[in-house]
């Protein structure tokens, strides 16, 4: 696929996610538009700008979203600070959706769902890129935004496992991400009885699929057994590695080719 190939609008992303279409994305950790443009031009369904673990500023996020939009891929952001202002800023700047780390209670899930939506929520009114700079009536903007804004909660804490049925039942959360790295750490730090990581993942997957929401995860390589395992588990929005991971893997492959070429 290339940038001229017909593809769904980024604003269809939430609908596609809820319909459990198979979607491919990746994390973008380098705060420029280049990765979002390249990955979008290849035909990835979405990019996740990683504000939590990379130095994305608000200005850089704006450029990243613009790059994604230019090539028809959905631009989302993993929020660094799970508060109303951070979610508001990302959505006003043009994010198709947000992913929130460490959602370990139904109360937190209800809060983030509220902060992301106007009607029935508490999102403040704004007319930046996300509102086409005031190019449509306010009521039309509210309805369109509420219908297309995607909210994904990350499940990565032992406490979340204990309350998973309550969390997945919260209206306004569209998908749940298996944060297996932090979840494994949280479980390993438990002082009392705790499920294994494998057991916890199964518990989360079962609850998410039962709720009718989408299950999301990341893998390091789509050719790996882990990628197939995630799909078999019910994951439909699967991310692979990151822009920096792609650079490292590609550069290492060429280095190995060079060494074979010059030592033959």
C-alpha atoms as a PDB file:
ATOM      1  CA  UNK A   1       0.000   0.000   0.000  1.00  0.00           C
ATOM      2  CA  UNK A   2       1.128   3.565  -0.612  1.00  0.00           C
ATOM      3  CA  UNK A   3      -0.201   7.034   0.039  1.00  0.00           C
ATOM      4  CA  UNK A   4      -2.301   6.981  -3.149  1.00  0.00           C
ATOM      5  CA  UNK A   5      -4.107   3.760  -2.287  1.00  0.00           C
ATOM      6  CA  UNK A   6      -7.709   4.169  -1.176  1.00  0.00           C
ATOM      7  CA  UNK A   7      -8.068   3.653   2.548  1.00  0.00           C
ATOM      8  CA  UNK A   8     -10.564   4.446   5.313  1.00  0.00           C
ATOM      9  CA  UNK A   9     -10.564   7.947   6.751  1.00  0.00           C
ATOM     10  CA  UNK A  10      -8.714   8.288  10.081  1.00  0.00           C
ATOM     11  CA  UNK A  11     -12.043   9.405  11.538  1.00  0.00           C
ATOM     12  CA  UNK A  12     -13.328   5.886  10.884  1.00  0.00           C
ATOM     13  CA  UNK A  13     -10.761   4.478  13.321  1.00  0.00           C
ATOM     14  CA  UNK A  14     -13.081   4.267  16.345  1.00  0.00           C
ATOM     15  CA  UNK A  15     -15.775   2.519  14.323  1.00  0.00           C
ATOM     16  CA  UNK A  16     -13.226   0.073  12.931  1.00  0.00           C
ATOM     17  CA  UNK A  17     -11.816  -0.585  16.385  1.00  0.00           C
ATOM     18  CA  UNK A  18     -15.245  -1.248  17.899  1.00  0.00           C
ATOM     19  CA  UNK A  19     -16.103  -3.518  14.965  1.00  0.00           C
ATOM     20  CA  UNK A  20     -12.967  -5.477  15.866  1.00  0.00           C
ATOM     21  CA  UNK A  21     -11.377  -5.090  12.473  1.00  0.00           C
ATOM     22  CA  UNK A  22      -7.788  -6.285  12.372  1.00  0.00           C
ATOM     23  CA  UNK A  23      -5.656  -3.145  12.644  1.00  0.00           C
ATOM     24  CA  UNK A  24      -1.900  -2.631  12.624  1.00  0.00           C
ATOM     25  CA  UNK A  25      -0.076   0.234  14.287  1.00  0.00           C
ATOM     26  CA  UNK A  26       3.177   1.148  15.955  1.00  0.00           C
ATOM     27  CA  UNK A  27       4.549   3.426  18.650  1.00  0.00           C
ATOM     28  CA  UNK A  28       6.315   6.601  17.534  1.00  0.00           C
ATOM     29  CA  UNK A  29       8.934   7.757  20.012  1.00  0.00           C
ATOM     30  CA  UNK A  30      10.919  10.271  17.972  1.00  0.00           C
ATOM     31  CA  UNK A  31       9.210  13.685  18.254  1.00  0.00           C
ATOM     32  CA  UNK A  32       9.038  14.681  14.590  1.00  0.00           C
ATOM     33  CA  UNK A  33       6.549  14.152  11.772  1.00  0.00           C
ATOM     34  CA  UNK A  34       8.891  11.963   9.733  1.00  0.00           C
ATOM     35  CA  UNK A  35       7.998   8.623  11.303  1.00  0.00           C
ATOM     36  CA  UNK A  36       4.254   9.290  11.188  1.00  0.00           C
ATOM     37  CA  UNK A  37       4.539  10.269   7.531  1.00  0.00           C
ATOM     38  CA  UNK A  38       6.615   7.229   6.544  1.00  0.00           C
ATOM     39  CA  UNK A  39       4.524   4.735   8.486  1.00  0.00           C
ATOM     40  CA  UNK A  40       1.313   6.321   7.260  1.00  0.00           C
ATOM     41  CA  UNK A  41       2.514   6.214   3.649  1.00  0.00           C
ATOM     42  CA  UNK A  42       3.161   2.472   3.977  1.00  0.00           C
ATOM     43  CA  UNK A  43      -0.447   1.837   4.933  1.00  0.00           C
ATOM     44  CA  UNK A  44      -0.415   1.323   8.697  1.00  0.00           C
ATOM     45  CA  UNK A  45      -3.840   1.901  10.211  1.00  0.00           C
ATOM     46  CA  UNK A  46      -2.595   3.993  13.130  1.00  0.00           C
ATOM     47  CA  UNK A  47       0.389   5.438  14.935  1.00  0.00           C
ATOM     48  CA  UNK A  48       0.618   5.906  18.700  1.00  0.00           C
ATOM     49  CA  UNK A  49       2.711   8.949  19.603  1.00  0.00           C
ATOM     50  CA  UNK A  50       4.315   7.934  22.883  1.00  0.00           C
ATOM     51  CA  UNK A  51       4.225  10.977  25.142  1.00  0.00           C
ATOM     52  CA  UNK A  52       4.618   8.771  28.231  1.00  0.00           C
ATOM     53  CA  UNK A  53       8.036   7.332  27.369  1.00  0.00           C
ATOM     54  CA  UNK A  54       9.442   9.795  24.832  1.00  0.00           C
ATOM     55  CA  UNK A  55      10.100  13.572  24.729  1.00  0.00           C
ATOM     56  CA  UNK A  56       6.998  14.669  22.861  1.00  0.00           C
ATOM     57  CA  UNK A  57       6.032  18.274  23.615  1.00  0.00           C
ATOM     58  CA  UNK A  58       2.630  19.702  22.772  1.00  0.00           C
ATOM     59  CA  UNK A  59       4.093  21.479  19.764  1.00  0.00           C
ATOM     60  CA  UNK A  60       5.778  18.292  18.551  1.00  0.00           C
ATOM     61  CA  UNK A  61       2.539  16.329  18.984  1.00  0.00           C
ATOM     62  CA  UNK A  62       0.758  18.848  16.755  1.00  0.00           C
ATOM     63  CA  UNK A  63       3.297  18.252  13.996  1.00  0.00           C
ATOM     64  CA  UNK A  64       3.117  14.489  14.484  1.00  0.00           C
ATOM     65  CA  UNK A  65      -0.671  14.491  14.152  1.00  0.00           C
ATOM     66  CA  UNK A  66      -0.412  16.658  11.045  1.00  0.00           C
ATOM     67  CA  UNK A  67       2.043  14.201   9.494  1.00  0.00           C
ATOM     68  CA  UNK A  68      -0.291  11.296  10.226  1.00  0.00           C
ATOM     69  CA  UNK A  69      -3.263  13.151   8.776  1.00  0.00           C
ATOM     70  CA  UNK A  70      -1.303  13.985   5.607  1.00  0.00           C
ATOM     71  CA  UNK A  71      -0.961  10.281   4.822  1.00  0.00           C
ATOM     72  CA  UNK A  72      -4.375   9.104   6.000  1.00  0.00           C
ATOM     73  CA  UNK A  73      -3.365   7.195   9.109  1.00  0.00           C
ATOM     74  CA  UNK A  74      -5.033   7.651  12.494  1.00  0.00           C
ATOM     75  CA  UNK A  75      -2.838   9.560  14.941  1.00  0.00           C
ATOM     76  CA  UNK A  76      -3.315   8.679  18.608  1.00  0.00           C
ATOM     77  CA  UNK A  77      -1.254   9.558  21.670  1.00  0.00           C
ATOM     78  CA  UNK A  78      -0.296   7.645  24.783  1.00  0.00           C
ATOM     79  CA  UNK A  79      -0.820  10.348  27.388  1.00  0.00           C
ATOM     80  CA  UNK A  80       1.975  11.032  29.873  1.00  0.00           C
ATOM     81  CA  UNK A  81      -0.243  12.657  32.500  1.00  0.00           C
ATOM     82  CA  UNK A  82      -3.683  11.084  32.849  1.00  0.00           C
ATOM     83  CA  UNK A  83      -5.609  14.263  33.578  1.00  0.00           C
ATOM     84  CA  UNK A  84      -8.348  16.316  31.929  1.00  0.00           C
ATOM     85  CA  UNK A  85      -5.995  19.000  30.560  1.00  0.00           C
ATOM     86  CA  UNK A  86      -3.647  16.531  28.879  1.00  0.00           C
ATOM     87  CA  UNK A  87      -6.506  14.717  27.170  1.00  0.00           C
ATOM     88  CA  UNK A  88      -8.124  18.003  26.124  1.00  0.00           C
ATOM     89  CA  UNK A  89      -4.862  19.304  24.627  1.00  0.00           C
ATOM     90  CA  UNK A  90      -4.202  16.137  22.622  1.00  0.00           C
ATOM     91  CA  UNK A  91      -7.714  16.041  21.177  1.00  0.00           C
ATOM     92  CA  UNK A  92      -7.813  19.766  20.399  1.00  0.00           C
ATOM     93  CA  UNK A  93      -4.472  19.415  18.610  1.00  0.00           C
ATOM     94  CA  UNK A  94      -5.879  16.746  16.304  1.00  0.00           C
ATOM     95  CA  UNK A  95      -5.465  13.351  17.965  1.00  0.00           C
ATOM     96  CA  UNK A  96      -7.964  10.772  16.756  1.00  0.00           C
ATOM     97  CA  UNK A  97      -7.771   9.211  20.176  1.00  0.00           C
ATOM     98  CA  UNK A  98      -5.901   8.792  23.425  1.00  0.00           C
ATOM     99  CA  UNK A  99      -4.472   5.835  25.305  1.00  0.00           C
ATOM    100  CA  UNK A 100      -4.256   6.227  29.070  1.00  0.00           C
ATOM    101  CA  UNK A 101      -1.671   4.341  31.192  1.00  0.00           C
ATOM    102  CA  UNK A 102      -2.384   2.544  34.469  1.00  0.00           C
ATOM    103  CA  UNK A 103      -6.174   2.475  34.484  1.00  0.00           C
ATOM    104  CA  UNK A 104      -6.581   0.399  37.621  1.00  0.00           C
ATOM    105  CA  UNK A 105     -10.094   1.310  38.767  1.00  0.00           C
ATOM    106  CA  UNK A 106     -13.562   1.888  37.347  1.00  0.00           C
ATOM    107  CA  UNK A 107     -13.465   5.421  38.743  1.00  0.00           C
ATOM    108  CA  UNK A 108     -10.367   6.283  36.728  1.00  0.00           C
ATOM    109  CA  UNK A 109     -11.940   4.712  33.638  1.00  0.00           C
ATOM    110  CA  UNK A 110     -15.074   6.821  34.092  1.00  0.00           C
ATOM    111  CA  UNK A 111     -12.966   9.954  34.509  1.00  0.00           C
ATOM    112  CA  UNK A 112     -10.984   9.511  31.306  1.00  0.00           C
ATOM    113  CA  UNK A 113     -14.132   8.665  29.337  1.00  0.00           C
ATOM    114  CA  UNK A 114     -15.718  11.872  30.655  1.00  0.00           C
ATOM    115  CA  UNK A 115     -12.679  14.050  29.934  1.00  0.00           C
ATOM    116  CA  UNK A 116     -12.608  12.853  26.312  1.00  0.00           C
ATOM    117  CA  UNK A 117     -16.229  13.635  25.410  1.00  0.00           C
ATOM    118  CA  UNK A 118     -18.510  16.654  25.291  1.00  0.00           C
ATOM    119  CA  UNK A 119     -22.065  15.309  25.591  1.00  0.00           C
ATOM    120  CA  UNK A 120     -22.454  13.395  28.825  1.00  0.00           C
ATOM    121  CA  UNK A 121     -18.832  14.248  29.609  1.00  0.00           C
ATOM    122  CA  UNK A 122     -16.735  17.152  30.804  1.00  0.00           C
ATOM    123  CA  UNK A 123     -14.482  17.962  27.843  1.00  0.00           C
ATOM    124  CA  UNK A 124     -14.046  21.709  27.372  1.00  0.00           C
ATOM    125  CA  UNK A 125     -15.088  23.265  24.082  1.00  0.00           C
ATOM    126  CA  UNK A 126     -12.256  24.144  21.686  1.00  0.00           C
ATOM    127  CA  UNK A 127     -11.854  24.858  17.979  1.00  0.00           C
ATOM    128  CA  UNK A 128      -8.252  23.964  17.153  1.00  0.00           C
ATOM    129  CA  UNK A 129      -7.199  21.394  14.562  1.00  0.00           C
ATOM    130  CA  UNK A 130      -9.476  18.839  16.210  1.00  0.00           C
ATOM    131  CA  UNK A 131     -12.428  21.139  15.525  1.00  0.00           C
ATOM    132  CA  UNK A 132     -11.332  22.116  12.009  1.00  0.00           C
ATOM    133  CA  UNK A 133     -10.536  25.591  13.372  1.00  0.00           C
ATOM    134  CA  UNK A 134     -14.212  26.442  13.830  1.00  0.00           C
ATOM    135  CA  UNK A 135     -15.139  25.329  10.312  1.00  0.00           C
ATOM    136  CA  UNK A 136     -18.358  23.662  11.433  1.00  0.00           C
ATOM    137  CA  UNK A 137     -21.131  24.625  13.873  1.00  0.00           C
ATOM    138  CA  UNK A 138     -20.384  23.877  17.511  1.00  0.00           C
ATOM    139  CA  UNK A 139     -23.152  21.296  17.885  1.00  0.00           C
ATOM    140  CA  UNK A 140     -21.977  19.496  14.740  1.00  0.00           C
ATOM    141  CA  UNK A 141     -18.435  19.510  16.073  1.00  0.00           C
ATOM    142  CA  UNK A 142     -19.519  18.104  19.441  1.00  0.00           C
ATOM    143  CA  UNK A 143     -21.463  15.271  17.827  1.00  0.00           C
ATOM    144  CA  UNK A 144     -18.766  14.388  15.298  1.00  0.00           C
ATOM    145  CA  UNK A 145     -15.984  14.495  17.857  1.00  0.00           C
ATOM    146  CA  UNK A 146     -17.860  12.365  20.378  1.00  0.00           C
ATOM    147  CA  UNK A 147     -18.616   9.829  17.661  1.00  0.00           C
ATOM    148  CA  UNK A 148     -15.026   9.590  16.419  1.00  0.00           C
ATOM    149  CA  UNK A 149     -12.810  10.118  19.472  1.00  0.00           C
ATOM    150  CA  UNK A 150     -11.213   6.847  20.550  1.00  0.00           C
ATOM    151  CA  UNK A 151     -10.408   6.125  24.189  1.00  0.00           C
ATOM    152  CA  UNK A 152      -8.158   3.191  25.091  1.00  0.00           C
ATOM    153  CA  UNK A 153      -7.335   2.227  28.669  1.00  0.00           C
ATOM    154  CA  UNK A 154      -4.108   0.442  29.525  1.00  0.00           C
ATOM    155  CA  UNK A 155      -4.389  -2.491  31.905  1.00  0.00           C
ATOM    156  CA  UNK A 156      -0.983  -2.854  33.547  1.00  0.00           C
ATOM    157  CA  UNK A 157      -1.472  -3.130  37.311  1.00  0.00           C
ATOM    158  CA  UNK A 158      -2.334  -5.908  39.720  1.00  0.00           C
ATOM    159  CA  UNK A 159      -5.181  -3.789  41.132  1.00  0.00           C
ATOM    160  CA  UNK A 160      -6.734  -3.613  37.678  1.00  0.00           C
ATOM    161  CA  UNK A 161      -6.896  -7.407  37.478  1.00  0.00           C
ATOM    162  CA  UNK A 162      -8.850  -7.499  40.718  1.00  0.00           C
ATOM    163  CA  UNK A 163     -11.418  -5.026  39.346  1.00  0.00           C
ATOM    164  CA  UNK A 164     -11.312  -5.916  35.666  1.00  0.00           C
ATOM    165  CA  UNK A 165     -15.031  -6.654  35.227  1.00  0.00           C
ATOM    166  CA  UNK A 166     -15.964  -3.253  36.684  1.00  0.00           C
ATOM    167  CA  UNK A 167     -13.367  -1.460  34.562  1.00  0.00           C
ATOM    168  CA  UNK A 168     -14.336  -3.096  31.265  1.00  0.00           C
ATOM    169  CA  UNK A 169     -18.017  -2.310  31.911  1.00  0.00           C
ATOM    170  CA  UNK A 170     -17.405   1.460  31.884  1.00  0.00           C
ATOM    171  CA  UNK A 171     -19.192   3.208  29.017  1.00  0.00           C
ATOM    172  CA  UNK A 172     -17.043   5.414  26.816  1.00  0.00           C
ATOM    173  CA  UNK A 173     -13.928   3.237  26.898  1.00  0.00           C
ATOM    174  CA  UNK A 174     -13.535   1.736  23.425  1.00  0.00           C
ATOM    175  CA  UNK A 175     -10.587  -0.575  23.897  1.00  0.00           C
ATOM    176  CA  UNK A 176      -8.215  -2.012  26.463  1.00  0.00           C
ATOM    177  CA  UNK A 177      -4.487  -2.402  25.946  1.00  0.00           C
ATOM    178  CA  UNK A 178      -2.575  -5.286  27.496  1.00  0.00           C
ATOM    179  CA  UNK A 179       0.382  -3.523  29.126  1.00  0.00           C
ATOM    180  CA  UNK A 180       2.287  -6.733  29.656  1.00  0.00           C
ATOM    181  CA  UNK A 181       5.598  -5.134  30.623  1.00  0.00           C
ATOM    182  CA  UNK A 182       4.339  -3.104  33.559  1.00  0.00           C
ATOM    183  CA  UNK A 183       1.744  -5.731  34.427  1.00  0.00           C
ATOM    184  CA  UNK A 184       4.493  -8.305  34.824  1.00  0.00           C
ATOM    185  CA  UNK A 185       6.421  -5.946  37.086  1.00  0.00           C
ATOM    186  CA  UNK A 186       3.339  -5.190  39.175  1.00  0.00           C
ATOM    187  CA  UNK A 187       2.566  -8.877  39.642  1.00  0.00           C
ATOM    188  CA  UNK A 188       6.196  -9.679  40.520  1.00  0.00           C
ATOM    189  CA  UNK A 189       6.099  -7.016  43.241  1.00  0.00           C
ATOM    190  CA  UNK A 190       2.988  -8.460  44.864  1.00  0.00           C
ATOM    191  CA  UNK A 191       3.428  -9.404  48.526  1.00  0.00           C
ATOM    192  CA  UNK A 192       0.475 -11.782  48.591  1.00  0.00           C
ATOM    193  CA  UNK A 193      -0.963 -14.376  46.203  1.00  0.00           C
ATOM    194  CA  UNK A 194      -1.128 -13.118  42.632  1.00  0.00           C
ATOM    195  CA  UNK A 195      -1.785 -14.674  39.229  1.00  0.00           C
ATOM    196  CA  UNK A 196       1.045 -15.281  36.813  1.00  0.00           C
ATOM    197  CA  UNK A 197       1.390 -12.851  33.924  1.00  0.00           C
ATOM    198  CA  UNK A 198      -0.044 -15.455  31.589  1.00  0.00           C
ATOM    199  CA  UNK A 199      -3.045 -15.978  33.843  1.00  0.00           C
ATOM    200  CA  UNK A 200      -3.579 -12.222  34.221  1.00  0.00           C
ATOM    201  CA  UNK A 201      -3.506 -11.718  30.451  1.00  0.00           C
ATOM    202  CA  UNK A 202      -6.126 -14.432  30.037  1.00  0.00           C
ATOM    203  CA  UNK A 203      -8.316 -12.812  32.710  1.00  0.00           C
ATOM    204  CA  UNK A 204      -8.122  -9.416  31.027  1.00  0.00           C
ATOM    205  CA  UNK A 205      -8.750 -10.787  27.538  1.00  0.00           C
ATOM    206  CA  UNK A 206     -11.810 -12.703  28.678  1.00  0.00           C
ATOM    207  CA  UNK A 207     -13.307  -9.656  30.430  1.00  0.00           C
ATOM    208  CA  UNK A 208     -12.608  -7.292  27.514  1.00  0.00           C
ATOM    209  CA  UNK A 209     -14.089  -9.574  24.875  1.00  0.00           C
ATOM    210  CA  UNK A 210     -17.118 -10.266  27.071  1.00  0.00           C
ATOM    211  CA  UNK A 211     -17.710  -6.503  27.357  1.00  0.00           C
ATOM    212  CA  UNK A 212     -17.787  -6.085  23.580  1.00  0.00           C
ATOM    213  CA  UNK A 213     -14.801  -3.734  23.625  1.00  0.00           C
ATOM    214  CA  UNK A 214     -11.623  -4.088  21.566  1.00  0.00           C
ATOM    215  CA  UNK A 215      -8.490  -5.822  22.836  1.00  0.00           C
ATOM    216  CA  UNK A 216      -5.164  -4.163  21.973  1.00  0.00           C
ATOM    217  CA  UNK A 217      -1.520  -5.166  22.476  1.00  0.00           C
ATOM    218  CA  UNK A 218       2.007  -4.711  21.171  1.00  0.00           C
ATOM    219  CA  UNK A 219       4.495  -7.270  19.893  1.00  0.00           C
ATOM    220  CA  UNK A 220       8.109  -6.892  18.843  1.00  0.00           C
ATOM    221  CA  UNK A 221       7.799  -8.751  15.551  1.00  0.00           C
ATOM    222  CA  UNK A 222       4.776  -9.689  13.447  1.00  0.00           C
ATOM    223  CA  UNK A 223       6.596 -12.857  12.350  1.00  0.00           C
ATOM    224  CA  UNK A 224       6.933 -14.038  15.957  1.00  0.00           C
ATOM    225  CA  UNK A 225       5.000 -16.673  17.871  1.00  0.00           C
ATOM    226  CA  UNK A 226       3.967 -13.871  20.229  1.00  0.00           C
ATOM    227  CA  UNK A 227       2.145 -11.994  17.460  1.00  0.00           C
ATOM    228  CA  UNK A 228       0.120 -15.087  16.577  1.00  0.00           C
ATOM    229  CA  UNK A 229      -0.526 -15.703  20.267  1.00  0.00           C
ATOM    230  CA  UNK A 230      -1.963 -12.196  20.622  1.00  0.00           C
ATOM    231  CA  UNK A 231      -4.253 -12.650  17.628  1.00  0.00           C
ATOM    232  CA  UNK A 232      -5.393 -16.031  18.932  1.00  0.00           C
ATOM    233  CA  UNK A 233      -6.121 -14.376  22.277  1.00  0.00           C
ATOM    234  CA  UNK A 234      -8.543 -11.981  20.580  1.00  0.00           C
ATOM    235  CA  UNK A 235      -6.362  -8.927  20.004  1.00  0.00           C
ATOM    236  CA  UNK A 236      -7.587  -7.020  16.962  1.00  0.00           C
ATOM    237  CA  UNK A 237      -5.548  -3.791  17.252  1.00  0.00           C
ATOM    238  CA  UNK A 238      -1.957  -5.008  17.257  1.00  0.00           C
ATOM    239  CA  UNK A 239       1.028  -2.703  17.397  1.00  0.00           C
ATOM    240  CA  UNK A 240       4.491  -3.777  16.387  1.00  0.00           C
ATOM    241  CA  UNK A 241       7.668  -2.342  17.908  1.00  0.00           C
ATOM    242  CA  UNK A 242       8.254   1.398  17.370  1.00  0.00           C
ATOM    243  CA  UNK A 243       9.863   3.792  14.934  1.00  0.00           C
ATOM    244  CA  UNK A 244      13.108   3.528  16.903  1.00  0.00           C
ATOM    245  CA  UNK A 245      12.811  -0.248  16.942  1.00  0.00           C
ATOM    246  CA  UNK A 246      12.426  -0.256  13.167  1.00  0.00           C
ATOM    247  CA  UNK A 247      15.541   1.905  12.785  1.00  0.00           C
ATOM    248  CA  UNK A 248      17.573  -0.341  15.078  1.00  0.00           C
ATOM    249  CA  UNK A 249      16.423  -3.551  13.401  1.00  0.00           C
ATOM    250  CA  UNK A 250      16.934  -2.208   9.892  1.00  0.00           C
ATOM    251  CA  UNK A 251      20.345  -0.739  10.706  1.00  0.00           C
ATOM    252  CA  UNK A 252      21.488  -3.931  12.426  1.00  0.00           C
ATOM    253  CA  UNK A 253      20.386  -6.035   9.461  1.00  0.00           C
ATOM    254  CA  UNK A 254      22.419  -3.890   7.071  1.00  0.00           C
ATOM    255  CA  UNK A 255      25.407  -3.989   9.415  1.00  0.00           C
ATOM    256  CA  UNK A 256      25.276  -7.787   9.398  1.00  0.00           C
ATOM    257  CA  UNK A 257      25.036  -7.789   5.588  1.00  0.00           C
ATOM    258  CA  UNK A 258      28.069  -5.494   5.425  1.00  0.00           C
ATOM    259  CA  UNK A 259      30.100  -7.737   7.719  1.00  0.00           C
ATOM    260  CA  UNK A 260      29.264 -10.830   5.636  1.00  0.00           C
ATOM    261  CA  UNK A 261      30.066  -8.958   2.425  1.00  0.00           C
ATOM    262  CA  UNK A 262      33.471  -7.739   3.639  1.00  0.00           C
ATOM    263  CA  UNK A 263      34.504 -10.985   5.312  1.00  0.00           C
ATOM    264  CA  UNK A 264      33.592 -13.384   2.509  1.00  0.00           C
END
